[in-house]
Amino acid sequence: GLTKAWVYCTASAIGDSHNHSSFTNNGTGDHTLGLTNALASAVNYTTMTAGFPTATSYNRALTPYGSDKTTTATRYKGGLLHTAATEDLVGNMFVIHGDLA
């Protein structure tokens, strides 16, 4: 499907978004994003993410986390690539593609 939601945020606040209802900071580098309009399935949608800790460092990643993916929310963790360490990133970008309910 087409892009159904997108969000730009810091570790503590939303900068701009579409089809986004809530932002929960679960801890360092751990965030849950809520959707205004539910997706048709909790498993049949794709997320694209990007995050950066500073303007000159790019070796970080945002990844979907655990089994917290539902039709109205998904959880992400951010941090250094290829490690389990999490950290709050300066900028976080999320895009969700799929079908709405």
PDB file of N, CA and C in Angstrom:
ATOM      1  N   GLY A   1       0.819  -1.194   0.000  1.00  0.00           N
ATOM      2  CA  GLY A   1       0.000   0.000   0.000  1.00  0.00           C
ATOM      3  C   GLY A   1       0.853   1.243   0.000  1.00  0.00           C
ATOM      4  N   LEU A   2       0.202   2.359  -0.129  1.00  0.00           N
ATOM      5  CA  LEU A   2       0.856   3.659  -0.091  1.00  0.00           C
ATOM      6  C   LEU A   2       1.241   4.021   1.333  1.00  0.00           C
ATOM      7  N   THR A   3       1.995   5.104   1.483  1.00  0.00           N
ATOM      8  CA  THR A   3       2.369   5.560   2.817  1.00  0.00           C
ATOM      9  C   THR A   3       1.111   5.917   3.598  1.00  0.00           C
ATOM     10  N   LYS A   4       0.948   5.273   4.760  1.00  0.00           N
ATOM     11  CA  LYS A   4      -0.228   5.512   5.594  1.00  0.00           C
ATOM     12  C   LYS A   4       0.089   6.363   6.815  1.00  0.00           C
ATOM     13  N   ALA A   5       1.357   6.436   7.172  1.00  0.00           N
ATOM     14  CA  ALA A   5       1.756   7.253   8.313  1.00  0.00           C
ATOM     15  C   ALA A   5       3.232   7.594   8.193  1.00  0.00           C
ATOM     16  N   TRP A   6       3.591   8.771   8.701  1.00  0.00           N
ATOM     17  CA  TRP A   6       4.999   9.143   8.810  1.00  0.00           C
ATOM     18  C   TRP A   6       5.163  10.047  10.013  1.00  0.00           C
ATOM     19  N   VAL A   7       6.354  10.004  10.581  1.00  0.00           N
ATOM     20  CA  VAL A   7       6.648  10.784  11.782  1.00  0.00           C
ATOM     21  C   VAL A   7       8.098  11.240  11.739  1.00  0.00           C
ATOM     22  N   TYR A   8       8.334  12.485  12.125  1.00  0.00           N
ATOM     23  CA  TYR A   8       9.684  12.964  12.420  1.00  0.00           C
ATOM     24  C   TYR A   8       9.662  13.384  13.878  1.00  0.00           C
ATOM     25  N   CYS A   9      10.580  12.850  14.690  1.00  0.00           N
ATOM     26  CA  CYS A   9      10.592  13.186  16.110  1.00  0.00           C
ATOM     27  C   CYS A   9      12.008  13.139  16.672  1.00  0.00           C
ATOM     28  N   THR A  10      12.155  13.755  17.824  1.00  0.00           N
ATOM     29  CA  THR A  10      13.370  13.621  18.611  1.00  0.00           C
ATOM     30  C   THR A  10      13.104  12.519  19.633  1.00  0.00           C
ATOM     31  N   ALA A  11      13.959  12.371  20.607  1.00  0.00           N
ATOM     32  CA  ALA A  11      13.744  11.362  21.638  1.00  0.00           C
ATOM     33  C   ALA A  11      12.620  11.742  22.591  1.00  0.00           C
ATOM     34  N   SER A  12      12.172  12.999  22.526  1.00  0.00           N
ATOM     35  CA  SER A  12      11.166  13.438  23.492  1.00  0.00           C
ATOM     36  C   SER A  12       9.968  14.176  22.902  1.00  0.00           C
ATOM     37  N   ALA A  13       9.978  14.491  21.612  1.00  0.00           N
ATOM     38  CA  ALA A  13       8.877  15.273  21.057  1.00  0.00           C
ATOM     39  C   ALA A  13       8.691  15.019  19.567  1.00  0.00           C
ATOM     40  N   ILE A  14       7.457  15.173  19.108  1.00  0.00           N
ATOM     41  CA  ILE A  14       7.133  15.057  17.694  1.00  0.00           C
ATOM     42  C   ILE A  14       7.419  16.375  17.011  1.00  0.00           C
ATOM     43  N   GLY A  15       8.108  16.315  15.880  1.00  0.00           N
ATOM     44  CA  GLY A  15       8.347  17.505  15.077  1.00  0.00           C
ATOM     45  C   GLY A  15       7.233  17.704  14.071  1.00  0.00           C
ATOM     46  N   ASP A  16       6.878  16.642  13.337  1.00  0.00           N
ATOM     47  CA  ASP A  16       5.824  16.693  12.344  1.00  0.00           C
ATOM     48  C   ASP A  16       5.373  15.260  12.081  1.00  0.00           C
ATOM     49  N   SER A  17       4.125  15.097  11.601  1.00  0.00           N
ATOM     50  CA  SER A  17       3.628  13.734  11.389  1.00  0.00           C
ATOM     51  C   SER A  17       2.356  13.727  10.557  1.00  0.00           C
ATOM     52  N   HIS A  18       1.978  12.534  10.124  1.00  0.00           N
ATOM     53  CA  HIS A  18       0.708  12.286   9.434  1.00  0.00           C
ATOM     54  C   HIS A  18       0.152  10.964   9.951  1.00  0.00           C
ATOM     55  N   ASN A  19      -1.133  10.928  10.311  1.00  0.00           N
ATOM     56  CA  ASN A  19      -1.815   9.743  10.836  1.00  0.00           C
ATOM     57  C   ASN A  19      -1.140   9.224  12.097  1.00  0.00           C
ATOM     58  N   HIS A  20      -0.782  10.136  12.954  1.00  0.00           N
ATOM     59  CA  HIS A  20      -0.055   9.801  14.168  1.00  0.00           C
ATOM     60  C   HIS A  20      -0.833  10.320  15.364  1.00  0.00           C
ATOM     61  N   SER A  21      -1.063   9.468  16.373  1.00  0.00           N
ATOM     62  CA  SER A  21      -1.883   9.878  17.509  1.00  0.00           C
ATOM     63  C   SER A  21      -1.125  10.018  18.822  1.00  0.00           C
ATOM     64  N   SER A  22      -0.017   9.291  18.983  1.00  0.00           N
ATOM     65  CA  SER A  22       0.694   9.350  20.256  1.00  0.00           C
ATOM     66  C   SER A  22       2.155   8.974  20.089  1.00  0.00           C
ATOM     67  N   PHE A  23       2.942   9.409  21.074  1.00  0.00           N
ATOM     68  CA  PHE A  23       4.374   9.113  21.124  1.00  0.00           C
ATOM     69  C   PHE A  23       4.700   8.784  22.576  1.00  0.00           C
ATOM     70  N   THR A  24       5.219   7.590  22.808  1.00  0.00           N
ATOM     71  CA  THR A  24       5.582   7.184  24.161  1.00  0.00           C
ATOM     72  C   THR A  24       7.070   6.927  24.224  1.00  0.00           C
ATOM     73  N   ASN A  25       7.745   7.579  25.160  1.00  0.00           N
ATOM     74  CA  ASN A  25       9.158   7.328  25.396  1.00  0.00           C
ATOM     75  C   ASN A  25       9.232   6.261  26.485  1.00  0.00           C
ATOM     76  N   ASN A  26       9.565   5.021  26.089  1.00  0.00           N
ATOM     77  CA  ASN A  26       9.617   3.884  27.013  1.00  0.00           C
ATOM     78  C   ASN A  26      10.937   3.780  27.760  1.00  0.00           C
ATOM     79  N   GLY A  27      11.887   4.642  27.426  1.00  0.00           N
ATOM     80  CA  GLY A  27      13.217   4.590  28.027  1.00  0.00           C
ATOM     81  C   GLY A  27      14.231   5.003  26.986  1.00  0.00           C
ATOM     82  N   THR A  28      15.493   4.934  27.311  1.00  0.00           N
ATOM     83  CA  THR A  28      16.548   5.356  26.403  1.00  0.00           C
ATOM     84  C   THR A  28      16.486   4.592  25.086  1.00  0.00           C
ATOM     85  N   GLY A  29      16.292   5.316  23.984  1.00  0.00           N
ATOM     86  CA  GLY A  29      16.263   4.725  22.658  1.00  0.00           C
ATOM     87  C   GLY A  29      15.093   3.810  22.387  1.00  0.00           C
ATOM     88  N   ASP A  30      14.034   3.884  23.149  1.00  0.00           N
ATOM     89  CA  ASP A  30      12.898   2.964  23.064  1.00  0.00           C
ATOM     90  C   ASP A  30      11.604   3.774  22.981  1.00  0.00           C
ATOM     91  N   HIS A  31      10.915   3.704  21.839  1.00  0.00           N
ATOM     92  CA  HIS A  31       9.734   4.541  21.609  1.00  0.00           C
ATOM     93  C   HIS A  31       8.581   3.724  21.032  1.00  0.00           C
ATOM     94  N   THR A  32       7.371   4.103  21.370  1.00  0.00           N
ATOM     95  CA  THR A  32       6.173   3.521  20.772  1.00  0.00           C
ATOM     96  C   THR A  32       5.406   4.638  20.086  1.00  0.00           C
ATOM     97  N   LEU A  33       5.031   4.396  18.825  1.00  0.00           N
ATOM     98  CA  LEU A  33       4.262   5.353  18.048  1.00  0.00           C
ATOM     99  C   LEU A  33       2.852   4.824  17.848  1.00  0.00           C
ATOM    100  N   GLY A  34       1.864   5.646  18.139  1.00  0.00           N
ATOM    101  CA  GLY A  34       0.469   5.275  17.943  1.00  0.00           C
ATOM    102  C   GLY A  34      -0.083   5.883  16.675  1.00  0.00           C
ATOM    103  N   LEU A  35      -1.006   5.184  16.017  1.00  0.00           N
ATOM    104  CA  LEU A  35      -1.618   5.655  14.788  1.00  0.00           C
ATOM    105  C   LEU A  35      -3.035   6.141  15.031  1.00  0.00           C
ATOM    106  N   THR A  36      -3.435   7.195  14.330  1.00  0.00           N
ATOM    107  CA  THR A  36      -4.794   7.710  14.412  1.00  0.00           C
ATOM    108  C   THR A  36      -5.769   6.745  13.765  1.00  0.00           C
ATOM    109  N   ASN A  37      -5.451   6.292  12.551  1.00  0.00           N
ATOM    110  CA  ASN A  37      -6.290   5.345  11.813  1.00  0.00           C
ATOM    111  C   ASN A  37      -5.603   3.985  11.798  1.00  0.00           C
ATOM    112  N   ALA A  38      -6.320   2.956  12.214  1.00  0.00           N
ATOM    113  CA  ALA A  38      -5.754   1.614  12.330  1.00  0.00           C
ATOM    114  C   ALA A  38      -5.408   1.014  10.967  1.00  0.00           C
ATOM    115  N   LEU A  39      -4.387   0.163  10.976  1.00  0.00           N
ATOM    116  CA  LEU A  39      -4.025  -0.610   9.798  1.00  0.00           C
ATOM    117  C   LEU A  39      -4.894  -1.865   9.730  1.00  0.00           C
ATOM    118  N   ALA A  40      -4.986  -2.462   8.571  1.00  0.00           N
ATOM    119  CA  ALA A  40      -5.839  -3.639   8.380  1.00  0.00           C
ATOM    120  C   ALA A  40      -5.297  -4.873   9.087  1.00  0.00           C
ATOM    121  N   SER A  41      -3.981  -4.937   9.273  1.00  0.00           N
ATOM    122  CA  SER A  41      -3.357  -6.116   9.868  1.00  0.00           C
ATOM    123  C   SER A  41      -2.189  -5.697  10.749  1.00  0.00           C
ATOM    124  N   ALA A  42      -1.956  -6.451  11.807  1.00  0.00           N
ATOM    125  CA  ALA A  42      -0.827  -6.169  12.696  1.00  0.00           C
ATOM    126  C   ALA A  42       0.485  -6.706  12.138  1.00  0.00           C
ATOM    127  N   VAL A  43       0.430  -7.544  11.112  1.00  0.00           N
ATOM    128  CA  VAL A  43       1.657  -8.134  10.576  1.00  0.00           C
ATOM    129  C   VAL A  43       1.918  -7.787   9.118  1.00  0.00           C
ATOM    130  N   ASN A  44       0.902  -7.387   8.375  1.00  0.00           N
ATOM    131  CA  ASN A  44       1.071  -7.146   6.944  1.00  0.00           C
ATOM    132  C   ASN A  44       1.255  -5.674   6.612  1.00  0.00           C
ATOM    133  N   TYR A  45       2.238  -5.053   7.253  1.00  0.00           N
ATOM    134  CA  TYR A  45       2.644  -3.708   6.869  1.00  0.00           C
ATOM    135  C   TYR A  45       4.145  -3.578   7.011  1.00  0.00           C
ATOM    136  N   THR A  46       4.694  -2.619   6.296  1.00  0.00           N
ATOM    137  CA  THR A  46       6.136  -2.424   6.253  1.00  0.00           C
ATOM    138  C   THR A  46       6.501  -1.086   6.864  1.00  0.00           C
ATOM    139  N   THR A  47       7.582  -1.080   7.627  1.00  0.00           N
ATOM    140  CA  THR A  47       8.080   0.166   8.194  1.00  0.00           C
ATOM    141  C   THR A  47       9.456   0.474   7.628  1.00  0.00           C
ATOM    142  N   MET A  48       9.702   1.748   7.429  1.00  0.00           N
ATOM    143  CA  MET A  48      11.024   2.224   7.034  1.00  0.00           C
ATOM    144  C   MET A  48      11.438   3.235   8.081  1.00  0.00           C
ATOM    145  N   THR A  49      12.676   3.143   8.545  1.00  0.00           N
ATOM    146  CA  THR A  49      13.137   4.018   9.618  1.00  0.00           C
ATOM    147  C   THR A  49      14.521   4.568   9.328  1.00  0.00           C
ATOM    148  N   ALA A  50      14.815   5.688   9.960  1.00  0.00           N
ATOM    149  CA  ALA A  50      16.160   6.255   9.921  1.00  0.00           C
ATOM    150  C   ALA A  50      16.346   7.075  11.190  1.00  0.00           C
ATOM    151  N   GLY A  51      17.564   7.115  11.680  1.00  0.00           N
ATOM    152  CA  GLY A  51      17.849   7.903  12.875  1.00  0.00           C
ATOM    153  C   GLY A  51      19.293   8.342  12.877  1.00  0.00           C
ATOM    154  N   PHE A  52      19.560   9.478  13.512  1.00  0.00           N
ATOM    155  CA  PHE A  52      20.943   9.957  13.603  1.00  0.00           C
ATOM    156  C   PHE A  52      21.179  10.608  14.953  1.00  0.00           C
ATOM    157  N   PRO A  53      22.357  10.332  15.566  1.00  0.00           N
ATOM    158  CA  PRO A  53      22.669  10.891  16.880  1.00  0.00           C
ATOM    159  C   PRO A  53      23.186  12.320  16.817  1.00  0.00           C
ATOM    160  N   THR A  54      23.887  12.686  15.729  1.00  0.00           N
ATOM    161  CA  THR A  54      24.389  14.051  15.537  1.00  0.00           C
ATOM    162  C   THR A  54      24.347  14.349  14.048  1.00  0.00           C
ATOM    163  N   ALA A  55      24.650  15.560  13.684  1.00  0.00           N
ATOM    164  CA  ALA A  55      24.627  15.951  12.275  1.00  0.00           C
ATOM    165  C   ALA A  55      25.747  15.296  11.465  1.00  0.00           C
ATOM    166  N   THR A  56      26.755  14.725  12.128  1.00  0.00           N
ATOM    167  CA  THR A  56      27.897  14.167  11.389  1.00  0.00           C
ATOM    168  C   THR A  56      28.115  12.676  11.637  1.00  0.00           C
ATOM    169  N   SER A  57      27.225  12.023  12.341  1.00  0.00           N
ATOM    170  CA  SER A  57      27.392  10.607  12.641  1.00  0.00           C
ATOM    171  C   SER A  57      26.176   9.840  12.142  1.00  0.00           C
ATOM    172  N   TYR A  58      26.415   8.770  11.367  1.00  0.00           N
ATOM    173  CA  TYR A  58      25.309   8.077  10.722  1.00  0.00           C
ATOM    174  C   TYR A  58      25.280   6.567  10.975  1.00  0.00           C
ATOM    175  N   ASN A  59      26.078   6.040  11.867  1.00  0.00           N
ATOM    176  CA  ASN A  59      26.143   4.601  12.074  1.00  0.00           C
ATOM    177  C   ASN A  59      25.151   4.143  13.148  1.00  0.00           C
ATOM    178  N   ARG A  60      23.917   4.630  13.062  1.00  0.00           N
ATOM    179  CA  ARG A  60      22.875   4.267  14.004  1.00  0.00           C
ATOM    180  C   ARG A  60      21.681   3.692  13.248  1.00  0.00           C
ATOM    181  N   ALA A  61      20.815   2.996  13.945  1.00  0.00           N
ATOM    182  CA  ALA A  61      19.655   2.397  13.309  1.00  0.00           C
ATOM    183  C   ALA A  61      18.447   2.474  14.233  1.00  0.00           C
ATOM    184  N   LEU A  62      17.271   2.514  13.643  1.00  0.00           N
ATOM    185  CA  LEU A  62      16.003   2.358  14.345  1.00  0.00           C
ATOM    186  C   LEU A  62      15.386   1.066  13.834  1.00  0.00           C
ATOM    187  N   THR A  63      14.985   0.201  14.726  1.00  0.00           N
ATOM    188  CA  THR A  63      14.407  -1.068  14.305  1.00  0.00           C
ATOM    189  C   THR A  63      13.125  -1.361  15.063  1.00  0.00           C
ATOM    190  N   PRO A  64      12.138  -1.992  14.391  1.00  0.00           N
ATOM    191  CA  PRO A  64      10.953  -2.445  15.115  1.00  0.00           C
ATOM    192  C   PRO A  64      11.387  -3.379  16.234  1.00  0.00           C
ATOM    193  N   TYR A  65      10.662  -3.350  17.332  1.00  0.00           N
ATOM    194  CA  TYR A  65      11.096  -4.061  18.525  1.00  0.00           C
ATOM    195  C   TYR A  65      10.018  -4.991  19.064  1.00  0.00           C
ATOM    196  N   GLY A  66      10.401  -6.215  19.301  1.00  0.00           N
ATOM    197  CA  GLY A  66       9.559  -7.168  20.015  1.00  0.00           C
ATOM    198  C   GLY A  66       8.232  -7.478  19.355  1.00  0.00           C
ATOM    199  N   SER A  67       7.302  -7.923  20.156  1.00  0.00           N
ATOM    200  CA  SER A  67       5.992  -8.324  19.662  1.00  0.00           C
ATOM    201  C   SER A  67       4.950  -7.236  19.922  1.00  0.00           C
ATOM    202  N   ASP A  68       5.399  -5.998  20.083  1.00  0.00           N
ATOM    203  CA  ASP A  68       4.494  -4.899  20.399  1.00  0.00           C
ATOM    204  C   ASP A  68       3.847  -4.274  19.168  1.00  0.00           C
ATOM    205  N   LYS A  69       4.005  -4.873  17.994  1.00  0.00           N
ATOM    206  CA  LYS A  69       3.435  -4.347  16.758  1.00  0.00           C
ATOM    207  C   LYS A  69       1.948  -4.703  16.703  1.00  0.00           C
ATOM    208  N   THR A  70       1.080  -3.686  16.641  1.00  0.00           N
ATOM    209  CA  THR A  70      -0.367  -3.901  16.552  1.00  0.00           C
ATOM    210  C   THR A  70      -0.905  -3.111  15.369  1.00  0.00           C
ATOM    211  N   THR A  71      -2.211  -3.105  15.177  1.00  0.00           N
ATOM    212  CA  THR A  71      -2.799  -2.327  14.080  1.00  0.00           C
ATOM    213  C   THR A  71      -2.802  -0.834  14.378  1.00  0.00           C
ATOM    214  N   THR A  72      -2.574  -0.455  15.643  1.00  0.00           N
ATOM    215  CA  THR A  72      -2.607   0.960  16.004  1.00  0.00           C
ATOM    216  C   THR A  72      -1.325   1.484  16.645  1.00  0.00           C
ATOM    217  N   ALA A  73      -0.318   0.632  16.797  1.00  0.00           N
ATOM    218  CA  ALA A  73       0.940   1.088  17.401  1.00  0.00           C
ATOM    219  C   ALA A  73       2.084   0.158  17.038  1.00  0.00           C
ATOM    220  N   THR A  74       3.275   0.714  17.018  1.00  0.00           N
ATOM    221  CA  THR A  74       4.471  -0.098  16.822  1.00  0.00           C
ATOM    222  C   THR A  74       5.608   0.485  17.658  1.00  0.00           C
ATOM    223  N   ARG A  75       6.467  -0.380  18.142  1.00  0.00           N
ATOM    224  CA  ARG A  75       7.556   0.023  19.042  1.00  0.00           C
ATOM    225  C   ARG A  75       8.883  -0.081  18.300  1.00  0.00           C
ATOM    226  N   TYR A  76       9.762   0.887  18.553  1.00  0.00           N
ATOM    227  CA  TYR A  76      11.072   0.945  17.912  1.00  0.00           C
ATOM    228  C   TYR A  76      12.157   1.139  18.946  1.00  0.00           C
ATOM    229  N   LYS A  77      13.357   0.621  18.625  1.00  0.00           N
ATOM    230  CA  LYS A  77      14.544   0.914  19.427  1.00  0.00           C
ATOM    231  C   LYS A  77      15.598   1.515  18.515  1.00  0.00           C
ATOM    232  N   GLY A  78      16.359   2.448  19.055  1.00  0.00           N
ATOM    233  CA  GLY A  78      17.410   3.106  18.298  1.00  0.00           C
ATOM    234  C   GLY A  78      18.746   2.932  18.973  1.00  0.00           C
ATOM    235  N   GLY A  79      19.800   2.833  18.159  1.00  0.00           N
ATOM    236  CA  GLY A  79      21.127   2.718  18.738  1.00  0.00           C
ATOM    237  C   GLY A  79      22.190   2.395  17.713  1.00  0.00           C
ATOM    238  N   LEU A  80      23.360   2.090  18.221  1.00  0.00           N
ATOM    239  CA  LEU A  80      24.523   1.790  17.404  1.00  0.00           C
ATOM    240  C   LEU A  80      24.299   0.508  16.609  1.00  0.00           C
ATOM    241  N   LEU A  81      24.644   0.538  15.337  1.00  0.00           N
ATOM    242  CA  LEU A  81      24.492  -0.638  14.484  1.00  0.00           C
ATOM    243  C   LEU A  81      25.261  -1.835  15.033  1.00  0.00           C
ATOM    244  N   HIS A  82      24.700  -3.015  14.896  1.00  0.00           N
ATOM    245  CA  HIS A  82      25.340  -4.290  15.240  1.00  0.00           C
ATOM    246  C   HIS A  82      25.646  -4.459  16.723  1.00  0.00           C
ATOM    247  N   THR A  83      24.934  -3.737  17.581  1.00  0.00           N
ATOM    248  CA  THR A  83      25.078  -3.933  19.015  1.00  0.00           C
ATOM    249  C   THR A  83      23.680  -3.934  19.642  1.00  0.00           C
ATOM    250  N   ALA A  84      23.601  -4.340  20.878  1.00  0.00           N
ATOM    251  CA  ALA A  84      22.325  -4.314  21.598  1.00  0.00           C
ATOM    252  C   ALA A  84      22.128  -3.009  22.353  1.00  0.00           C
ATOM    253  N   ALA A  85      23.137  -2.130  22.336  1.00  0.00           N
ATOM    254  CA  ALA A  85      23.063  -0.876  23.076  1.00  0.00           C
ATOM    255  C   ALA A  85      22.035   0.064  22.446  1.00  0.00           C
ATOM    256  N   THR A  86      21.203   0.683  23.276  1.00  0.00           N
ATOM    257  CA  THR A  86      20.243   1.656  22.775  1.00  0.00           C
ATOM    258  C   THR A  86      20.661   3.054  23.212  1.00  0.00           C
ATOM    259  N   GLU A  87      20.236   4.047  22.425  1.00  0.00           N
ATOM    260  CA  GLU A  87      20.514   5.432  22.769  1.00  0.00           C
ATOM    261  C   GLU A  87      19.447   6.325  22.154  1.00  0.00           C
ATOM    262  N   ASP A  88      19.209   7.468  22.775  1.00  0.00           N
ATOM    263  CA  ASP A  88      18.306   8.454  22.214  1.00  0.00           C
ATOM    264  C   ASP A  88      18.990   9.128  21.040  1.00  0.00           C
ATOM    265  N   LEU A  89      18.295   9.196  19.926  1.00  0.00           N
ATOM    266  CA  LEU A  89      18.851   9.800  18.729  1.00  0.00           C
ATOM    267  C   LEU A  89      18.287  11.203  18.554  1.00  0.00           C
ATOM    268  N   VAL A  90      19.075  12.087  17.942  1.00  0.00           N
ATOM    269  CA  VAL A  90      18.678  13.478  17.730  1.00  0.00           C
ATOM    270  C   VAL A  90      17.467  13.552  16.803  1.00  0.00           C
ATOM    271  N   GLY A  91      17.465  12.748  15.763  1.00  0.00           N
ATOM    272  CA  GLY A  91      16.368  12.740  14.798  1.00  0.00           C
ATOM    273  C   GLY A  91      15.923  11.323  14.504  1.00  0.00           C
ATOM    274  N   ASN A  92      14.614  11.122  14.466  1.00  0.00           N
ATOM    275  CA  ASN A  92      14.044   9.808  14.166  1.00  0.00           C
ATOM    276  C   ASN A  92      12.992   9.991  13.081  1.00  0.00           C
ATOM    277  N   MET A  93      13.058   9.174  12.047  1.00  0.00           N
ATOM    278  CA  MET A  93      12.093   9.260  10.959  1.00  0.00           C
ATOM    279  C   MET A  93      11.464   7.891  10.742  1.00  0.00           C
ATOM    280  N   PHE A  94      10.138   7.852  10.682  1.00  0.00           N
ATOM    281  CA  PHE A  94       9.399   6.609  10.522  1.00  0.00           C
ATOM    282  C   PHE A  94       8.394   6.762   9.393  1.00  0.00           C
ATOM    283  N   VAL A  95       8.284   5.745   8.555  1.00  0.00           N
ATOM    284  CA  VAL A  95       7.271   5.706   7.501  1.00  0.00           C
ATOM    285  C   VAL A  95       6.634   4.328   7.544  1.00  0.00           C
ATOM    286  N   ILE A  96       5.309   4.281   7.464  1.00  0.00           N
ATOM    287  CA  ILE A  96       4.597   3.000   7.482  1.00  0.00           C
ATOM    288  C   ILE A  96       3.798   2.866   6.198  1.00  0.00           C
ATOM    289  N   HIS A  97       3.978   1.720   5.505  1.00  0.00           N
ATOM    290  CA  HIS A  97       3.258   1.410   4.279  1.00  0.00           C
ATOM    291  C   HIS A  97       2.369   0.194   4.544  1.00  0.00           C
ATOM    292  N   GLY A  98       1.126   0.261   4.099  1.00  0.00           N
ATOM    293  CA  GLY A  98       0.209  -0.846   4.273  1.00  0.00           C
ATOM    294  C   GLY A  98      -1.199  -0.414   3.928  1.00  0.00           C
ATOM    295  N   ASP A  99      -2.177  -1.215   4.322  1.00  0.00           N
ATOM    296  CA  ASP A  99      -3.567  -0.905   4.077  1.00  0.00           C
ATOM    297  C   ASP A  99      -4.262  -0.522   5.365  1.00  0.00           C
ATOM    298  N   LEU A 100      -5.099   0.503   5.302  1.00  0.00           N
ATOM    299  CA  LEU A 100      -5.866   0.892   6.465  1.00  0.00           C
ATOM    300  C   LEU A 100      -7.051  -0.051   6.636  1.00  0.00           C
ATOM    301  N   ALA A 101      -7.534  -0.146   7.876  1.00  0.00           N
ATOM    302  CA  ALA A 101      -8.677  -1.016   8.166  1.00  0.00           C
ATOM    303  C   ALA A 101      -9.931  -0.480   7.513  1.00  0.00           C
TER     304      ALA A 101
END
